[in-house]
Amino acid sequence: MTAHELPRAEDIDAIAAAIYDADQDMLDEGAAGRLAAGDHATISERLMRLPWARVVEAVKESYRRRARAAVAAQLDTARVLLERL
């Protein structure tokens, strides 16, 4: 992608997925640390009842929206800078 090309929706989704994956890795490491320390609240019965598939999809969509907003803001800045050239 050159400076004059706008990112496609697939590019934005890839950015969002990368952000989500990095954050998920950090969350997994944190949960493993808490479990190793004897904190079993993360696997308590109340958490087991959550509709995890919907929770995960909602989180992913939230990250996609954040990534789209961040990319849109950067694109606005890039457009302004390109107009000044």
C-alpha atoms as a PDB file:
ATOM      1  CA  MET A   1       0.000   0.000   0.000  1.00  0.00           C
ATOM      2  CA  THR A   2       1.438   3.354  -1.014  1.00  0.00           C
ATOM      3  CA  ALA A   3       0.944   6.615   0.849  1.00  0.00           C
ATOM      4  CA  HIS A   4      -1.819   7.588  -1.583  1.00  0.00           C
ATOM      5  CA  GLU A   5      -3.827   4.363  -1.259  1.00  0.00           C
ATOM      6  CA  LEU A   6      -6.462   4.029   1.413  1.00  0.00           C
ATOM      7  CA  PRO A   7      -6.584   0.800   3.411  1.00  0.00           C
ATOM      8  CA  ARG A   8      -9.287  -1.659   2.479  1.00  0.00           C
ATOM      9  CA  ALA A   9     -11.736  -3.119   4.998  1.00  0.00           C
ATOM     10  CA  GLU A  10      -9.663  -6.338   4.951  1.00  0.00           C
ATOM     11  CA  ASP A  11      -6.567  -4.351   5.932  1.00  0.00           C
ATOM     12  CA  ILE A  12      -8.408  -2.743   8.825  1.00  0.00           C
ATOM     13  CA  ASP A  13      -9.743  -6.141   9.940  1.00  0.00           C
ATOM     14  CA  ALA A  14      -6.198  -7.554   9.794  1.00  0.00           C
ATOM     15  CA  ILE A  15      -4.964  -4.696  11.987  1.00  0.00           C
ATOM     16  CA  ALA A  16      -7.821  -5.268  14.425  1.00  0.00           C
ATOM     17  CA  ALA A  17      -7.123  -9.008  14.514  1.00  0.00           C
ATOM     18  CA  ALA A  18      -3.439  -8.381  15.227  1.00  0.00           C
ATOM     19  CA  ILE A  19      -4.324  -5.992  18.077  1.00  0.00           C
ATOM     20  CA  TYR A  20      -6.862  -8.476  19.439  1.00  0.00           C
ATOM     21  CA  ASP A  21      -4.415 -11.388  19.246  1.00  0.00           C
ATOM     22  CA  ALA A  22      -1.691  -9.428  21.057  1.00  0.00           C
ATOM     23  CA  ASP A  23      -4.106  -8.381  23.801  1.00  0.00           C
ATOM     24  CA  GLN A  24      -5.483 -11.920  24.053  1.00  0.00           C
ATOM     25  CA  ASP A  25      -1.953 -13.264  24.546  1.00  0.00           C
ATOM     26  CA  MET A  26      -1.418 -10.794  27.404  1.00  0.00           C
ATOM     27  CA  LEU A  27      -4.759 -11.754  28.977  1.00  0.00           C
ATOM     28  CA  ASP A  28      -3.920 -15.457  28.692  1.00  0.00           C
ATOM     29  CA  GLU A  29      -0.552 -14.884  30.374  1.00  0.00           C
ATOM     30  CA  GLY A  30      -2.222 -12.882  33.158  1.00  0.00           C
ATOM     31  CA  ALA A  31      -4.871 -15.563  33.747  1.00  0.00           C
ATOM     32  CA  ALA A  32      -2.204 -18.281  33.830  1.00  0.00           C
ATOM     33  CA  GLY A  33      -0.281 -16.264  36.414  1.00  0.00           C
ATOM     34  CA  ARG A  34      -3.361 -15.826  38.615  1.00  0.00           C
ATOM     35  CA  LEU A  35      -4.203 -19.527  38.394  1.00  0.00           C
ATOM     36  CA  ALA A  36      -0.620 -20.447  39.272  1.00  0.00           C
ATOM     37  CA  ALA A  37      -0.900 -18.180  42.323  1.00  0.00           C
ATOM     38  CA  GLY A  38      -4.008 -20.072  43.446  1.00  0.00           C
ATOM     39  CA  ASP A  39      -6.640 -17.572  42.269  1.00  0.00           C
ATOM     40  CA  HIS A  40      -9.335 -19.778  40.785  1.00  0.00           C
ATOM     41  CA  ALA A  41     -11.960 -17.026  40.478  1.00  0.00           C
ATOM     42  CA  THR A  42     -11.296 -16.872  36.751  1.00  0.00           C
ATOM     43  CA  ILE A  43     -12.813 -20.322  36.354  1.00  0.00           C
ATOM     44  CA  SER A  44     -15.589 -19.965  38.909  1.00  0.00           C
ATOM     45  CA  GLU A  45     -19.080 -21.241  38.224  1.00  0.00           C
ATOM     46  CA  ARG A  46     -20.488 -17.789  37.420  1.00  0.00           C
ATOM     47  CA  LEU A  47     -17.929 -17.328  34.653  1.00  0.00           C
ATOM     48  CA  MET A  48     -18.643 -20.741  33.209  1.00  0.00           C
ATOM     49  CA  ARG A  49     -22.271 -19.702  32.562  1.00  0.00           C
ATOM     50  CA  LEU A  50     -21.338 -16.814  30.267  1.00  0.00           C
ATOM     51  CA  PRO A  51     -22.057 -17.267  26.551  1.00  0.00           C
ATOM     52  CA  TRP A  52     -18.353 -17.262  25.708  1.00  0.00           C
ATOM     53  CA  ALA A  53     -18.743 -17.419  21.939  1.00  0.00           C
ATOM     54  CA  ARG A  54     -20.821 -14.229  22.001  1.00  0.00           C
ATOM     55  CA  VAL A  55     -18.439 -12.572  24.459  1.00  0.00           C
ATOM     56  CA  VAL A  56     -15.429 -13.334  22.246  1.00  0.00           C
ATOM     57  CA  GLU A  57     -17.217 -12.077  19.115  1.00  0.00           C
ATOM     58  CA  ALA A  58     -18.273  -8.887  20.911  1.00  0.00           C
ATOM     59  CA  VAL A  59     -14.696  -8.264  22.026  1.00  0.00           C
ATOM     60  CA  LYS A  60     -13.377  -8.895  18.526  1.00  0.00           C
ATOM     61  CA  GLU A  61     -15.933  -6.488  17.055  1.00  0.00           C
ATOM     62  CA  SER A  62     -14.993  -3.901  19.658  1.00  0.00           C
ATOM     63  CA  TYR A  63     -11.350  -4.164  18.621  1.00  0.00           C
ATOM     64  CA  ARG A  64     -12.348  -3.919  14.956  1.00  0.00           C
ATOM     65  CA  ARG A  65     -14.293  -0.724  15.691  1.00  0.00           C
ATOM     66  CA  ARG A  66     -11.331   0.692  17.620  1.00  0.00           C
ATOM     67  CA  ALA A  67      -8.928  -0.178  14.817  1.00  0.00           C
ATOM     68  CA  ARG A  68     -11.235   1.341  12.194  1.00  0.00           C
ATOM     69  CA  ALA A  69     -11.534   4.545  14.231  1.00  0.00           C
ATOM     70  CA  ALA A  70      -7.761   4.720  14.752  1.00  0.00           C
ATOM     71  CA  VAL A  71      -7.054   4.105  11.073  1.00  0.00           C
ATOM     72  CA  ALA A  72      -9.709   6.647  10.052  1.00  0.00           C
ATOM     73  CA  ALA A  73      -8.110   9.271  12.305  1.00  0.00           C
ATOM     74  CA  GLN A  74      -4.685   8.527  10.843  1.00  0.00           C
ATOM     75  CA  LEU A  75      -6.122   8.718   7.324  1.00  0.00           C
ATOM     76  CA  ASP A  76      -7.626  12.117   8.068  1.00  0.00           C
ATOM     77  CA  THR A  77      -4.225  13.323   9.238  1.00  0.00           C
ATOM     78  CA  ALA A  78      -2.545  11.816   6.167  1.00  0.00           C
ATOM     79  CA  ARG A  79      -5.085  13.474   3.852  1.00  0.00           C
ATOM     80  CA  VAL A  80      -4.430  16.870   5.427  1.00  0.00           C
ATOM     81  CA  LEU A  81      -0.682  16.387   5.113  1.00  0.00           C
ATOM     82  CA  LEU A  82      -0.973  15.211   1.491  1.00  0.00           C
ATOM     83  CA  GLU A  83      -3.114  18.221   0.617  1.00  0.00           C
ATOM     84  CA  ARG A  84      -0.342  20.482   1.891  1.00  0.00           C
ATOM     85  CA  LEU A  85       2.205  18.964  -0.491  1.00  0.00           C
END
